[in-house]
Amino acid sequence: HGGRGATVRILIAEDDPVSRVLLEAHLRKWGHEPVTTHDGMAAWEALQQPAAPALAILDWMMPGLAGVDVCRLARARSSAPPLYIVLLTARADRRDTIEGLDAGADDYVTKPFDATELRARVSVGIRVAELQGQLAARVAELEQALARVDQLHGILPICSYCKKVRSDTDSWQQVEAYVSAHSSVRFNHGVCPDCARNVVQPQLDELRRARALREKGKP
């Protein structure tokens, strides 16, 4: 199995029947699921689907849209899901390689391709696509968390005696009421050790003394 053992959907865009069959056979042999298209336009349409593959192998020379054109269209999308693109090309000129990478390809393989090399590059693409997907999910989680937070900022007037705070309407509120109204924080009341020792315990001791006196005064 290619890379990490999990089945991965991989888009193939290849107009040559022999190359297309070879690509499909290799991907299936490595445990993946090829999503096959015969030209650049069909590949572009497949990449715009909601559950589009996160990895694509695009032939450079295709009718309609060339693989490099599909790269440019894919990279021009805003808020697009992660996509790792491998260009398959018979062009060995360095300038062509630079053009493909500048257009948005992540990697390239020359034709006729070597199966071992292709497998290694597909494995790299799968790892990168997985990391990009995890990062995108994490960013979405952080954005949702930030959207739920109302930040308190500025100077907050607080009474030195009762510790109430003054709201924007000049009324005085308990601290917990003010914070709850201005953020997603909710309070669960308890007693800290200092207050337990300095406030609660003396009250309990006083209640015990009062009860002892009542018991002592009974006939």
N, C-alpha and C. Protein backbone atom coordinates (compact mmCIF):
# COMPACT_ATOMS: atom_id res chain seq x y z
N HIS A 1 0.84 -1.20 0.00
CA HIS A 1 0.00 0.00 0.00
C HIS A 1 0.87 1.24 0.00
N GLY A 2 0.40 2.31 -0.71
CA GLY A 2 1.21 3.50 -0.86
C GLY A 2 1.23 4.35 0.37
N GLY A 3 2.42 4.63 0.91
CA GLY A 3 2.57 5.60 1.98
C GLY A 3 2.17 5.05 3.31
N ARG A 4 0.89 5.26 3.74
CA ARG A 4 0.52 5.03 5.12
C ARG A 4 -0.50 3.92 5.27
N GLY A 5 -0.86 3.23 4.20
CA GLY A 5 -1.74 2.08 4.34
C GLY A 5 -3.21 2.38 4.18
N ALA A 6 -3.60 3.65 4.26
CA ALA A 6 -5.01 4.00 4.13
C ALA A 6 -5.36 4.23 2.67
N THR A 7 -6.60 3.89 2.30
CA THR A 7 -7.06 4.13 0.93
C THR A 7 -7.28 5.62 0.71
N VAL A 8 -6.67 6.16 -0.32
CA VAL A 8 -6.76 7.59 -0.62
C VAL A 8 -7.34 7.76 -2.02
N ARG A 9 -8.29 8.67 -2.18
CA ARG A 9 -8.84 8.98 -3.49
C ARG A 9 -7.90 9.93 -4.20
N ILE A 10 -7.46 9.55 -5.39
CA ILE A 10 -6.48 10.33 -6.15
C ILE A 10 -7.04 10.60 -7.55
N LEU A 11 -7.09 11.87 -7.91
CA LEU A 11 -7.59 12.25 -9.23
C LEU A 11 -6.52 12.01 -10.29
N ILE A 12 -6.92 11.38 -11.39
CA ILE A 12 -6.07 11.21 -12.56
C ILE A 12 -6.67 12.01 -13.71
N ALA A 13 -5.85 12.83 -14.36
CA ALA A 13 -6.29 13.53 -15.57
C ALA A 13 -5.27 13.19 -16.65
N GLU A 14 -5.64 12.29 -17.55
CA GLU A 14 -4.73 11.79 -18.58
C GLU A 14 -5.53 11.41 -19.81
N ASP A 15 -5.20 12.04 -20.96
CA ASP A 15 -5.96 11.76 -22.19
C ASP A 15 -5.41 10.57 -22.96
N ASP A 16 -4.17 10.15 -22.65
CA ASP A 16 -3.60 9.00 -23.33
C ASP A 16 -4.10 7.71 -22.68
N PRO A 17 -4.78 6.83 -23.42
CA PRO A 17 -5.39 5.64 -22.81
C PRO A 17 -4.37 4.71 -22.14
N VAL A 18 -3.22 4.53 -22.75
CA VAL A 18 -2.22 3.63 -22.18
C VAL A 18 -1.71 4.16 -20.84
N SER A 19 -1.33 5.42 -20.82
CA SER A 19 -0.84 6.03 -19.58
C SER A 19 -1.92 6.02 -18.50
N ARG A 20 -3.16 6.28 -18.92
CA ARG A 20 -4.27 6.31 -17.97
C ARG A 20 -4.47 4.93 -17.32
N VAL A 21 -4.47 3.88 -18.12
CA VAL A 21 -4.65 2.53 -17.59
C VAL A 21 -3.50 2.16 -16.65
N LEU A 22 -2.27 2.54 -17.03
CA LEU A 22 -1.12 2.26 -16.18
C LEU A 22 -1.23 2.98 -14.84
N LEU A 23 -1.62 4.23 -14.88
CA LEU A 23 -1.79 4.99 -13.63
C LEU A 23 -2.85 4.36 -12.74
N GLU A 24 -3.99 4.02 -13.32
CA GLU A 24 -5.06 3.38 -12.54
C GLU A 24 -4.59 2.08 -11.92
N ALA A 25 -3.88 1.27 -12.70
CA ALA A 25 -3.43 -0.03 -12.21
C ALA A 25 -2.45 0.13 -11.06
N HIS A 26 -1.52 1.05 -11.20
CA HIS A 26 -0.53 1.27 -10.14
C HIS A 26 -1.20 1.78 -8.86
N LEU A 27 -2.09 2.75 -8.98
CA LEU A 27 -2.74 3.32 -7.80
C LEU A 27 -3.56 2.25 -7.07
N ARG A 28 -4.27 1.43 -7.82
CA ARG A 28 -5.05 0.36 -7.19
C ARG A 28 -4.11 -0.65 -6.52
N LYS A 29 -3.01 -0.97 -7.17
CA LYS A 29 -2.04 -1.90 -6.59
C LYS A 29 -1.49 -1.37 -5.27
N TRP A 30 -1.33 -0.07 -5.17
CA TRP A 30 -0.81 0.54 -3.95
C TRP A 30 -1.90 0.79 -2.91
N GLY A 31 -3.12 0.37 -3.22
CA GLY A 31 -4.20 0.45 -2.25
C GLY A 31 -5.02 1.72 -2.29
N HIS A 32 -4.95 2.46 -3.38
CA HIS A 32 -5.67 3.73 -3.47
C HIS A 32 -6.83 3.63 -4.46
N GLU A 33 -7.65 4.66 -4.46
CA GLU A 33 -8.84 4.69 -5.32
C GLU A 33 -8.68 5.78 -6.38
N PRO A 34 -8.40 5.41 -7.64
CA PRO A 34 -8.26 6.43 -8.68
C PRO A 34 -9.62 7.01 -9.09
N VAL A 35 -9.65 8.32 -9.26
CA VAL A 35 -10.81 9.01 -9.81
C VAL A 35 -10.36 9.52 -11.17
N THR A 36 -10.83 8.88 -12.24
CA THR A 36 -10.24 9.08 -13.56
C THR A 36 -11.02 10.07 -14.41
N THR A 37 -10.28 11.00 -15.03
CA THR A 37 -10.85 11.91 -16.02
C THR A 37 -9.97 11.86 -17.27
N HIS A 38 -10.55 12.24 -18.42
CA HIS A 38 -9.86 12.08 -19.70
C HIS A 38 -9.32 13.39 -20.26
N ASP A 39 -9.65 14.52 -19.64
CA ASP A 39 -9.13 15.80 -20.13
C ASP A 39 -9.12 16.81 -19.00
N GLY A 40 -8.55 17.99 -19.30
CA GLY A 40 -8.39 19.00 -18.27
C GLY A 40 -9.70 19.58 -17.77
N MET A 41 -10.67 19.76 -18.66
CA MET A 41 -11.96 20.32 -18.24
C MET A 41 -12.67 19.40 -17.27
N ALA A 42 -12.65 18.09 -17.55
CA ALA A 42 -13.28 17.13 -16.64
C ALA A 42 -12.55 17.10 -15.31
N ALA A 43 -11.23 17.25 -15.34
CA ALA A 43 -10.46 17.28 -14.10
C ALA A 43 -10.83 18.50 -13.26
N TRP A 44 -10.96 19.65 -13.93
CA TRP A 44 -11.32 20.88 -13.23
C TRP A 44 -12.70 20.77 -12.59
N GLU A 45 -13.63 20.16 -13.31
CA GLU A 45 -14.98 19.95 -12.76
C GLU A 45 -14.93 19.01 -11.56
N ALA A 46 -14.11 17.97 -11.63
CA ALA A 46 -14.00 17.02 -10.52
C ALA A 46 -13.42 17.69 -9.28
N LEU A 47 -12.48 18.60 -9.48
CA LEU A 47 -11.85 19.27 -8.35
C LEU A 47 -12.79 20.26 -7.67
N GLN A 48 -13.86 20.64 -8.32
CA GLN A 48 -14.80 21.59 -7.73
C GLN A 48 -15.94 20.90 -6.97
N GLN A 49 -15.95 19.58 -6.97
CA GLN A 49 -16.99 18.83 -6.26
C GLN A 49 -16.75 18.92 -4.75
N PRO A 50 -17.81 18.79 -3.95
CA PRO A 50 -17.66 18.90 -2.48
C PRO A 50 -16.66 17.91 -1.89
N ALA A 51 -16.65 16.69 -2.39
CA ALA A 51 -15.74 15.67 -1.85
C ALA A 51 -14.61 15.39 -2.84
N ALA A 52 -14.01 16.44 -3.37
CA ALA A 52 -12.95 16.28 -4.36
C ALA A 52 -11.71 15.65 -3.73
N PRO A 53 -10.97 14.85 -4.49
CA PRO A 53 -9.72 14.28 -3.97
C PRO A 53 -8.75 15.37 -3.54
N ALA A 54 -7.93 15.08 -2.55
CA ALA A 54 -6.94 16.04 -2.07
C ALA A 54 -5.61 15.90 -2.78
N LEU A 55 -5.51 14.92 -3.69
CA LEU A 55 -4.28 14.72 -4.45
C LEU A 55 -4.66 14.49 -5.91
N ALA A 56 -3.94 15.13 -6.82
CA ALA A 56 -4.25 15.02 -8.25
C ALA A 56 -2.97 14.79 -9.04
N ILE A 57 -3.06 13.87 -10.02
CA ILE A 57 -1.98 13.64 -10.98
C ILE A 57 -2.49 14.12 -12.33
N LEU A 58 -1.91 15.20 -12.84
CA LEU A 58 -2.41 15.85 -14.06
C LEU A 58 -1.38 15.77 -15.16
N ASP A 59 -1.81 15.27 -16.32
CA ASP A 59 -0.94 15.31 -17.49
C ASP A 59 -0.84 16.75 -17.97
N TRP A 60 0.35 17.15 -18.37
CA TRP A 60 0.54 18.53 -18.82
C TRP A 60 -0.23 18.77 -20.11
N MET A 61 -0.04 17.91 -21.10
CA MET A 61 -0.63 18.11 -22.43
C MET A 61 -1.95 17.36 -22.54
N MET A 62 -3.06 18.12 -22.52
CA MET A 62 -4.40 17.54 -22.66
C MET A 62 -5.24 18.48 -23.52
N PRO A 63 -6.25 17.94 -24.19
CA PRO A 63 -7.15 18.81 -24.97
C PRO A 63 -7.98 19.70 -24.06
N GLY A 64 -8.36 20.84 -24.54
CA GLY A 64 -9.16 21.76 -23.73
C GLY A 64 -8.28 22.50 -22.76
N LEU A 65 -8.27 22.07 -21.52
CA LEU A 65 -7.41 22.64 -20.50
C LEU A 65 -6.19 21.75 -20.31
N ALA A 66 -5.00 22.33 -20.39
CA ALA A 66 -3.79 21.58 -20.09
C ALA A 66 -3.65 21.43 -18.57
N GLY A 67 -2.82 20.49 -18.17
CA GLY A 67 -2.62 20.28 -16.74
C GLY A 67 -2.14 21.52 -16.03
N VAL A 68 -1.26 22.28 -16.67
CA VAL A 68 -0.75 23.50 -16.06
C VAL A 68 -1.85 24.54 -15.90
N ASP A 69 -2.83 24.55 -16.85
CA ASP A 69 -3.97 25.46 -16.73
C ASP A 69 -4.87 25.07 -15.54
N VAL A 70 -5.06 23.77 -15.36
CA VAL A 70 -5.84 23.31 -14.22
C VAL A 70 -5.16 23.72 -12.91
N CYS A 71 -3.83 23.65 -12.88
CA CYS A 71 -3.08 24.11 -11.71
C CYS A 71 -3.40 25.56 -11.39
N ARG A 72 -3.33 26.40 -12.41
CA ARG A 72 -3.58 27.83 -12.19
C ARG A 72 -5.00 28.08 -11.69
N LEU A 73 -5.97 27.40 -12.27
CA LEU A 73 -7.36 27.57 -11.84
C LEU A 73 -7.54 27.11 -10.40
N ALA A 74 -6.93 25.98 -10.07
CA ALA A 74 -7.07 25.43 -8.72
C ALA A 74 -6.46 26.36 -7.67
N ARG A 75 -5.31 26.93 -8.00
CA ARG A 75 -4.64 27.81 -7.04
C ARG A 75 -5.30 29.18 -6.95
N ALA A 76 -6.07 29.55 -7.96
CA ALA A 76 -6.73 30.86 -7.94
C ALA A 76 -7.98 30.88 -7.08
N ARG A 77 -8.44 29.69 -6.66
CA ARG A 77 -9.66 29.64 -5.85
C ARG A 77 -9.41 30.21 -4.46
N SER A 78 -10.40 30.89 -3.93
CA SER A 78 -10.32 31.37 -2.55
C SER A 78 -11.01 30.36 -1.64
N SER A 79 -10.46 30.20 -0.46
CA SER A 79 -10.99 29.28 0.55
C SER A 79 -11.21 27.88 -0.01
N ALA A 80 -10.27 27.43 -0.84
CA ALA A 80 -10.36 26.09 -1.41
C ALA A 80 -9.77 25.06 -0.44
N PRO A 81 -10.27 23.83 -0.48
CA PRO A 81 -9.69 22.80 0.38
C PRO A 81 -8.27 22.47 -0.07
N PRO A 82 -7.45 21.87 0.81
CA PRO A 82 -6.07 21.55 0.43
C PRO A 82 -6.02 20.62 -0.78
N LEU A 83 -5.05 20.86 -1.65
CA LEU A 83 -4.89 20.05 -2.86
C LEU A 83 -3.41 19.95 -3.19
N TYR A 84 -2.93 18.72 -3.34
CA TYR A 84 -1.55 18.46 -3.73
C TYR A 84 -1.57 18.01 -5.19
N ILE A 85 -0.79 18.69 -6.04
CA ILE A 85 -0.83 18.44 -7.48
C ILE A 85 0.52 17.93 -7.97
N VAL A 86 0.48 16.80 -8.67
CA VAL A 86 1.66 16.26 -9.35
C VAL A 86 1.43 16.39 -10.85
N LEU A 87 2.31 17.10 -11.53
CA LEU A 87 2.23 17.24 -12.98
C LEU A 87 2.98 16.09 -13.65
N LEU A 88 2.34 15.50 -14.62
CA LEU A 88 2.93 14.41 -15.40
C LEU A 88 3.27 14.99 -16.77
N THR A 89 4.56 15.01 -17.11
CA THR A 89 4.95 15.72 -18.33
C THR A 89 6.07 15.01 -19.07
N ALA A 90 6.02 15.09 -20.38
CA ALA A 90 7.11 14.60 -21.23
C ALA A 90 8.15 15.68 -21.45
N ARG A 91 7.89 16.88 -20.93
CA ARG A 91 8.82 17.99 -21.11
C ARG A 91 9.93 17.88 -20.07
N ALA A 92 11.15 17.82 -20.53
CA ALA A 92 12.28 17.69 -19.63
C ALA A 92 13.06 19.00 -19.48
N ASP A 93 12.65 20.03 -20.23
CA ASP A 93 13.35 21.30 -20.17
C ASP A 93 13.15 21.96 -18.81
N ARG A 94 14.21 22.53 -18.26
CA ARG A 94 14.16 23.15 -16.94
C ARG A 94 13.15 24.30 -16.90
N ARG A 95 13.06 25.04 -17.98
CA ARG A 95 12.11 26.16 -18.02
C ARG A 95 10.67 25.67 -17.91
N ASP A 96 10.38 24.52 -18.51
CA ASP A 96 9.04 23.95 -18.40
C ASP A 96 8.75 23.52 -16.96
N THR A 97 9.74 22.94 -16.33
CA THR A 97 9.57 22.53 -14.93
C THR A 97 9.27 23.74 -14.05
N ILE A 98 10.01 24.82 -14.25
CA ILE A 98 9.79 26.04 -13.46
C ILE A 98 8.40 26.60 -13.74
N GLU A 99 7.98 26.57 -15.02
CA GLU A 99 6.64 27.06 -15.35
C GLU A 99 5.56 26.26 -14.63
N GLY A 100 5.71 24.94 -14.61
CA GLY A 100 4.72 24.10 -13.93
C GLY A 100 4.65 24.37 -12.45
N LEU A 101 5.82 24.53 -11.81
CA LEU A 101 5.84 24.81 -10.37
C LEU A 101 5.29 26.20 -10.09
N ASP A 102 5.61 27.16 -10.94
CA ASP A 102 5.08 28.51 -10.77
C ASP A 102 3.56 28.54 -10.94
N ALA A 103 3.03 27.64 -11.77
CA ALA A 103 1.59 27.59 -11.99
C ALA A 103 0.85 27.00 -10.80
N GLY A 104 1.57 26.36 -9.88
CA GLY A 104 0.91 25.83 -8.69
C GLY A 104 1.10 24.35 -8.46
N ALA A 105 1.87 23.67 -9.33
CA ALA A 105 2.14 22.25 -9.10
C ALA A 105 3.06 22.09 -7.90
N ASP A 106 2.83 21.04 -7.12
CA ASP A 106 3.69 20.74 -5.98
C ASP A 106 4.86 19.85 -6.36
N ASP A 107 4.70 19.06 -7.42
CA ASP A 107 5.74 18.12 -7.83
C ASP A 107 5.50 17.77 -9.30
N TYR A 108 6.44 17.08 -9.89
CA TYR A 108 6.26 16.66 -11.28
C TYR A 108 6.99 15.33 -11.50
N VAL A 109 6.49 14.58 -12.46
CA VAL A 109 7.09 13.31 -12.86
C VAL A 109 7.17 13.31 -14.38
N THR A 110 8.34 12.95 -14.92
CA THR A 110 8.50 12.94 -16.37
C THR A 110 8.01 11.63 -16.97
N LYS A 111 7.49 11.72 -18.17
CA LYS A 111 7.00 10.56 -18.91
C LYS A 111 8.07 10.11 -19.91
N PRO A 112 8.20 8.77 -20.11
CA PRO A 112 7.46 7.70 -19.43
C PRO A 112 7.91 7.58 -17.98
N PHE A 113 6.93 7.46 -17.08
CA PHE A 113 7.25 7.51 -15.65
C PHE A 113 7.73 6.15 -15.14
N ASP A 114 8.58 6.24 -14.12
CA ASP A 114 9.05 5.05 -13.41
C ASP A 114 8.10 4.80 -12.25
N ALA A 115 7.57 3.58 -12.14
CA ALA A 115 6.55 3.27 -11.13
C ALA A 115 7.06 3.50 -9.71
N THR A 116 8.33 3.14 -9.46
CA THR A 116 8.89 3.31 -8.11
C THR A 116 8.98 4.79 -7.75
N GLU A 117 9.41 5.60 -8.70
CA GLU A 117 9.49 7.04 -8.45
C GLU A 117 8.11 7.64 -8.23
N LEU A 118 7.16 7.24 -9.07
CA LEU A 118 5.81 7.76 -8.93
C LEU A 118 5.21 7.39 -7.58
N ARG A 119 5.44 6.15 -7.15
CA ARG A 119 4.90 5.72 -5.85
C ARG A 119 5.48 6.57 -4.72
N ALA A 120 6.78 6.85 -4.78
CA ALA A 120 7.41 7.65 -3.75
C ALA A 120 6.84 9.07 -3.73
N ARG A 121 6.64 9.64 -4.92
CA ARG A 121 6.10 11.01 -4.98
C ARG A 121 4.63 11.06 -4.55
N VAL A 122 3.88 10.02 -4.86
CA VAL A 122 2.49 9.94 -4.40
C VAL A 122 2.45 9.84 -2.87
N SER A 123 3.37 9.06 -2.30
CA SER A 123 3.42 8.92 -0.85
C SER A 123 3.71 10.25 -0.17
N VAL A 124 4.64 11.01 -0.76
CA VAL A 124 4.93 12.34 -0.23
C VAL A 124 3.69 13.22 -0.32
N GLY A 125 3.00 13.16 -1.46
CA GLY A 125 1.80 13.97 -1.64
C GLY A 125 0.71 13.63 -0.64
N ILE A 126 0.56 12.34 -0.35
CA ILE A 126 -0.44 11.92 0.64
C ILE A 126 -0.11 12.48 2.01
N ARG A 127 1.16 12.40 2.39
CA ARG A 127 1.54 12.92 3.71
C ARG A 127 1.30 14.42 3.80
N VAL A 128 1.69 15.14 2.75
CA VAL A 128 1.49 16.60 2.76
C VAL A 128 0.00 16.94 2.78
N ALA A 129 -0.80 16.24 1.98
CA ALA A 129 -2.25 16.50 1.94
C ALA A 129 -2.89 16.25 3.31
N GLU A 130 -2.45 15.18 3.98
CA GLU A 130 -2.99 14.90 5.31
C GLU A 130 -2.63 16.01 6.30
N LEU A 131 -1.37 16.46 6.25
CA LEU A 131 -0.96 17.54 7.14
C LEU A 131 -1.72 18.83 6.84
N GLN A 132 -1.92 19.12 5.55
CA GLN A 132 -2.68 20.32 5.18
C GLN A 132 -4.12 20.23 5.66
N GLY A 133 -4.72 19.03 5.55
CA GLY A 133 -6.08 18.84 6.02
C GLY A 133 -6.19 19.02 7.53
N GLN A 134 -5.22 18.47 8.27
CA GLN A 134 -5.21 18.63 9.72
C GLN A 134 -5.04 20.09 10.11
N LEU A 135 -4.16 20.78 9.40
CA LEU A 135 -3.95 22.20 9.69
C LEU A 135 -5.20 23.02 9.40
N ALA A 136 -5.85 22.73 8.27
CA ALA A 136 -7.08 23.46 7.92
C ALA A 136 -8.17 23.22 8.96
N ALA A 137 -8.27 21.98 9.45
CA ALA A 137 -9.27 21.67 10.47
C ALA A 137 -8.96 22.41 11.77
N ARG A 138 -7.68 22.47 12.11
CA ARG A 138 -7.28 23.18 13.34
C ARG A 138 -7.56 24.67 13.24
N VAL A 139 -7.27 25.25 12.07
CA VAL A 139 -7.54 26.67 11.87
C VAL A 139 -9.04 26.95 11.98
N ALA A 140 -9.86 26.07 11.40
CA ALA A 140 -11.32 26.24 11.49
C ALA A 140 -11.78 26.17 12.94
N GLU A 141 -11.21 25.25 13.73
CA GLU A 141 -11.58 25.14 15.14
C GLU A 141 -11.21 26.41 15.89
N LEU A 142 -10.03 26.95 15.62
CA LEU A 142 -9.60 28.18 16.30
C LEU A 142 -10.48 29.36 15.90
N GLU A 143 -10.84 29.44 14.62
CA GLU A 143 -11.71 30.53 14.18
C GLU A 143 -13.07 30.45 14.86
N GLN A 144 -13.60 29.24 15.00
CA GLN A 144 -14.88 29.07 15.69
C GLN A 144 -14.77 29.46 17.16
N ALA A 145 -13.66 29.07 17.77
CA ALA A 145 -13.46 29.41 19.18
C ALA A 145 -13.36 30.92 19.37
N LEU A 146 -12.63 31.58 18.48
CA LEU A 146 -12.49 33.03 18.58
C LEU A 146 -13.82 33.73 18.34
N ALA A 147 -14.64 33.17 17.46
CA ALA A 147 -15.94 33.78 17.17
C ALA A 147 -16.87 33.71 18.37
N ARG A 148 -16.63 32.74 19.27
CA ARG A 148 -17.51 32.60 20.44
C ARG A 148 -17.06 33.43 21.63
N VAL A 149 -15.90 34.06 21.51
CA VAL A 149 -15.34 34.78 22.65
C VAL A 149 -15.58 36.28 22.50
N ASP A 150 -16.17 36.87 23.51
CA ASP A 150 -16.27 38.32 23.60
C ASP A 150 -15.21 38.78 24.58
N GLN A 151 -14.21 39.49 24.12
CA GLN A 151 -13.12 39.86 25.00
C GLN A 151 -13.50 41.09 25.83
N LEU A 152 -13.14 41.03 27.13
CA LEU A 152 -13.27 42.19 28.00
C LEU A 152 -11.99 43.00 27.88
N HIS A 153 -12.11 44.31 27.74
CA HIS A 153 -10.92 45.12 27.61
C HIS A 153 -11.20 46.49 28.18
N GLY A 154 -10.12 47.26 28.40
CA GLY A 154 -10.25 48.59 28.95
C GLY A 154 -10.22 48.58 30.46
N ILE A 155 -10.52 49.74 31.05
CA ILE A 155 -10.53 49.89 32.51
C ILE A 155 -11.93 49.61 33.04
N LEU A 156 -12.01 48.75 34.04
CA LEU A 156 -13.29 48.34 34.61
C LEU A 156 -13.41 48.89 36.03
N PRO A 157 -14.30 49.88 36.29
CA PRO A 157 -14.45 50.42 37.64
C PRO A 157 -15.01 49.38 38.59
N ILE A 158 -14.38 49.22 39.74
CA ILE A 158 -14.82 48.23 40.73
C ILE A 158 -14.82 48.87 42.11
N CYS A 159 -15.86 48.59 42.89
CA CYS A 159 -15.99 49.16 44.23
C CYS A 159 -14.94 48.54 45.16
N SER A 160 -14.26 49.38 45.93
CA SER A 160 -13.21 48.89 46.83
C SER A 160 -13.77 48.10 48.01
N TYR A 161 -15.06 48.26 48.28
CA TYR A 161 -15.63 47.61 49.45
C TYR A 161 -16.40 46.34 49.08
N CYS A 162 -17.46 46.51 48.26
CA CYS A 162 -18.31 45.35 47.96
C CYS A 162 -17.87 44.60 46.71
N LYS A 163 -16.89 45.17 45.95
CA LYS A 163 -16.34 44.54 44.75
C LYS A 163 -17.34 44.45 43.59
N LYS A 164 -18.42 45.25 43.64
CA LYS A 164 -19.28 45.33 42.47
C LYS A 164 -18.59 46.16 41.40
N VAL A 165 -18.97 45.93 40.14
CA VAL A 165 -18.37 46.68 39.04
C VAL A 165 -19.44 47.53 38.38
N ARG A 166 -18.98 48.66 37.81
CA ARG A 166 -19.91 49.57 37.16
C ARG A 166 -20.02 49.21 35.69
N SER A 167 -21.26 49.01 35.23
CA SER A 167 -21.50 48.62 33.85
C SER A 167 -21.50 49.84 32.94
N ASP A 168 -21.71 49.60 31.65
CA ASP A 168 -21.75 50.69 30.67
C ASP A 168 -22.91 51.63 30.89
N THR A 169 -23.94 51.17 31.60
CA THR A 169 -25.12 52.00 31.85
C THR A 169 -25.08 52.66 33.22
N ASP A 170 -23.89 52.66 33.84
CA ASP A 170 -23.67 53.28 35.17
C ASP A 170 -24.39 52.56 36.29
N SER A 171 -24.87 51.35 36.06
CA SER A 171 -25.43 50.56 37.15
C SER A 171 -24.33 49.67 37.71
N TRP A 172 -24.51 49.22 38.95
CA TRP A 172 -23.48 48.41 39.62
C TRP A 172 -23.94 46.96 39.69
N GLN A 173 -23.06 46.05 39.29
CA GLN A 173 -23.38 44.64 39.25
C GLN A 173 -22.32 43.82 39.97
N GLN A 174 -22.72 42.63 40.42
CA GLN A 174 -21.73 41.70 40.91
C GLN A 174 -20.76 41.34 39.77
N VAL A 175 -19.52 41.07 40.13
CA VAL A 175 -18.50 40.78 39.12
C VAL A 175 -18.93 39.64 38.21
N GLU A 176 -19.46 38.55 38.81
CA GLU A 176 -19.81 37.39 38.00
C GLU A 176 -20.95 37.70 37.03
N ALA A 177 -21.90 38.57 37.44
CA ALA A 177 -23.00 38.94 36.55
C ALA A 177 -22.48 39.74 35.37
N TYR A 178 -21.54 40.66 35.64
CA TYR A 178 -21.00 41.49 34.56
C TYR A 178 -20.20 40.65 33.57
N VAL A 179 -19.32 39.80 34.08
CA VAL A 179 -18.48 38.98 33.20
C VAL A 179 -19.34 38.02 32.38
N SER A 180 -20.35 37.42 33.00
CA SER A 180 -21.23 36.50 32.28
C SER A 180 -21.97 37.20 31.15
N ALA A 181 -22.33 38.46 31.37
CA ALA A 181 -23.07 39.21 30.36
C ALA A 181 -22.19 39.65 29.20
N HIS A 182 -20.88 39.73 29.43
CA HIS A 182 -19.98 40.24 28.41
C HIS A 182 -19.03 39.19 27.84
N SER A 183 -19.22 37.94 28.17
CA SER A 183 -18.37 36.87 27.63
C SER A 183 -19.12 35.56 27.69
N SER A 184 -18.46 34.50 27.24
CA SER A 184 -19.07 33.17 27.29
C SER A 184 -18.75 32.44 28.59
N VAL A 185 -18.13 33.14 29.54
CA VAL A 185 -17.76 32.52 30.82
C VAL A 185 -19.00 32.32 31.69
N ARG A 186 -19.10 31.16 32.32
CA ARG A 186 -20.14 30.89 33.30
C ARG A 186 -19.49 30.48 34.62
N PHE A 187 -20.05 30.95 35.74
CA PHE A 187 -19.41 30.75 37.03
C PHE A 187 -20.00 29.55 37.76
N ASN A 188 -19.14 28.85 38.46
CA ASN A 188 -19.53 27.77 39.37
C ASN A 188 -18.96 28.12 40.74
N HIS A 189 -19.81 28.53 41.65
CA HIS A 189 -19.34 29.08 42.91
C HIS A 189 -18.77 28.01 43.83
N GLY A 190 -17.75 28.40 44.54
CA GLY A 190 -17.12 27.55 45.54
C GLY A 190 -16.50 28.43 46.60
N VAL A 191 -15.69 27.85 47.47
CA VAL A 191 -15.04 28.59 48.55
C VAL A 191 -13.55 28.31 48.47
N CYS A 192 -12.74 29.36 48.41
CA CYS A 192 -11.30 29.19 48.35
C CYS A 192 -10.77 28.85 49.75
N PRO A 193 -9.57 28.31 49.86
CA PRO A 193 -9.02 27.93 51.17
C PRO A 193 -8.92 29.08 52.16
N ASP A 194 -8.51 30.28 51.67
CA ASP A 194 -8.40 31.43 52.57
C ASP A 194 -9.75 31.82 53.16
N CYS A 195 -10.79 31.85 52.31
CA CYS A 195 -12.12 32.21 52.83
C CYS A 195 -12.68 31.11 53.71
N ALA A 196 -12.37 29.87 53.38
CA ALA A 196 -12.82 28.77 54.24
C ALA A 196 -12.23 28.91 55.63
N ARG A 197 -10.95 29.32 55.69
CA ARG A 197 -10.27 29.45 56.98
C ARG A 197 -10.66 30.73 57.71
N ASN A 198 -10.77 31.83 56.99
CA ASN A 198 -10.96 33.13 57.64
C ASN A 198 -12.42 33.54 57.79
N VAL A 199 -13.32 32.96 56.98
CA VAL A 199 -14.72 33.37 57.02
C VAL A 199 -15.63 32.23 57.43
N VAL A 200 -15.56 31.13 56.70
CA VAL A 200 -16.49 30.03 56.95
C VAL A 200 -16.23 29.37 58.29
N GLN A 201 -14.95 29.07 58.57
CA GLN A 201 -14.64 28.37 59.82
C GLN A 201 -15.03 29.17 61.06
N PRO A 202 -14.73 30.48 61.13
CA PRO A 202 -15.21 31.25 62.30
C PRO A 202 -16.73 31.23 62.45
N GLN A 203 -17.45 31.26 61.33
CA GLN A 203 -18.91 31.20 61.41
C GLN A 203 -19.37 29.85 61.96
N LEU A 204 -18.73 28.79 61.51
CA LEU A 204 -19.07 27.47 62.03
C LEU A 204 -18.74 27.37 63.53
N ASP A 205 -17.60 27.92 63.90
CA ASP A 205 -17.23 27.90 65.32
C ASP A 205 -18.24 28.67 66.16
N GLU A 206 -18.68 29.81 65.63
CA GLU A 206 -19.67 30.61 66.36
C GLU A 206 -20.99 29.86 66.51
N LEU A 207 -21.39 29.15 65.44
CA LEU A 207 -22.62 28.36 65.52
C LEU A 207 -22.49 27.23 66.53
N ARG A 208 -21.32 26.62 66.58
CA ARG A 208 -21.11 25.54 67.56
C ARG A 208 -21.17 26.09 68.99
N ARG A 209 -20.55 27.26 69.20
CA ARG A 209 -20.59 27.85 70.55
C ARG A 209 -22.01 28.21 70.96
N ALA A 210 -22.76 28.76 69.99
CA ALA A 210 -24.14 29.13 70.30
C ALA A 210 -24.96 27.89 70.60
N ARG A 211 -24.74 26.83 69.84
CA ARG A 211 -25.49 25.60 70.11
C ARG A 211 -25.10 25.00 71.45
N ALA A 212 -23.81 25.07 71.79
CA ALA A 212 -23.36 24.54 73.08
C ALA A 212 -23.98 25.31 74.24
N LEU A 213 -24.08 26.64 74.07
CA LEU A 213 -24.69 27.46 75.13
C LEU A 213 -26.16 27.11 75.29
N ARG A 214 -26.85 26.87 74.13
CA ARG A 214 -28.27 26.53 74.22
C ARG A 214 -28.44 25.19 74.92
N GLU A 215 -27.56 24.24 74.57
CA GLU A 215 -27.65 22.93 75.21
C GLU A 215 -27.37 23.02 76.70
N LYS A 216 -26.41 23.90 77.06
CA LYS A 216 -26.06 24.06 78.48
C LYS A 216 -27.19 24.71 79.26
N GLY A 217 -27.95 25.57 78.61
CA GLY A 217 -29.01 26.29 79.29
C GLY A 217 -30.29 25.51 79.42
N LYS A 218 -30.39 24.35 78.76
CA LYS A 218 -31.61 23.53 78.84
C LYS A 218 -31.74 22.91 80.23
N PRO A 219 -32.96 22.86 80.81
CA PRO A 219 -33.15 22.21 82.14
C PRO A 219 -32.88 20.70 82.05
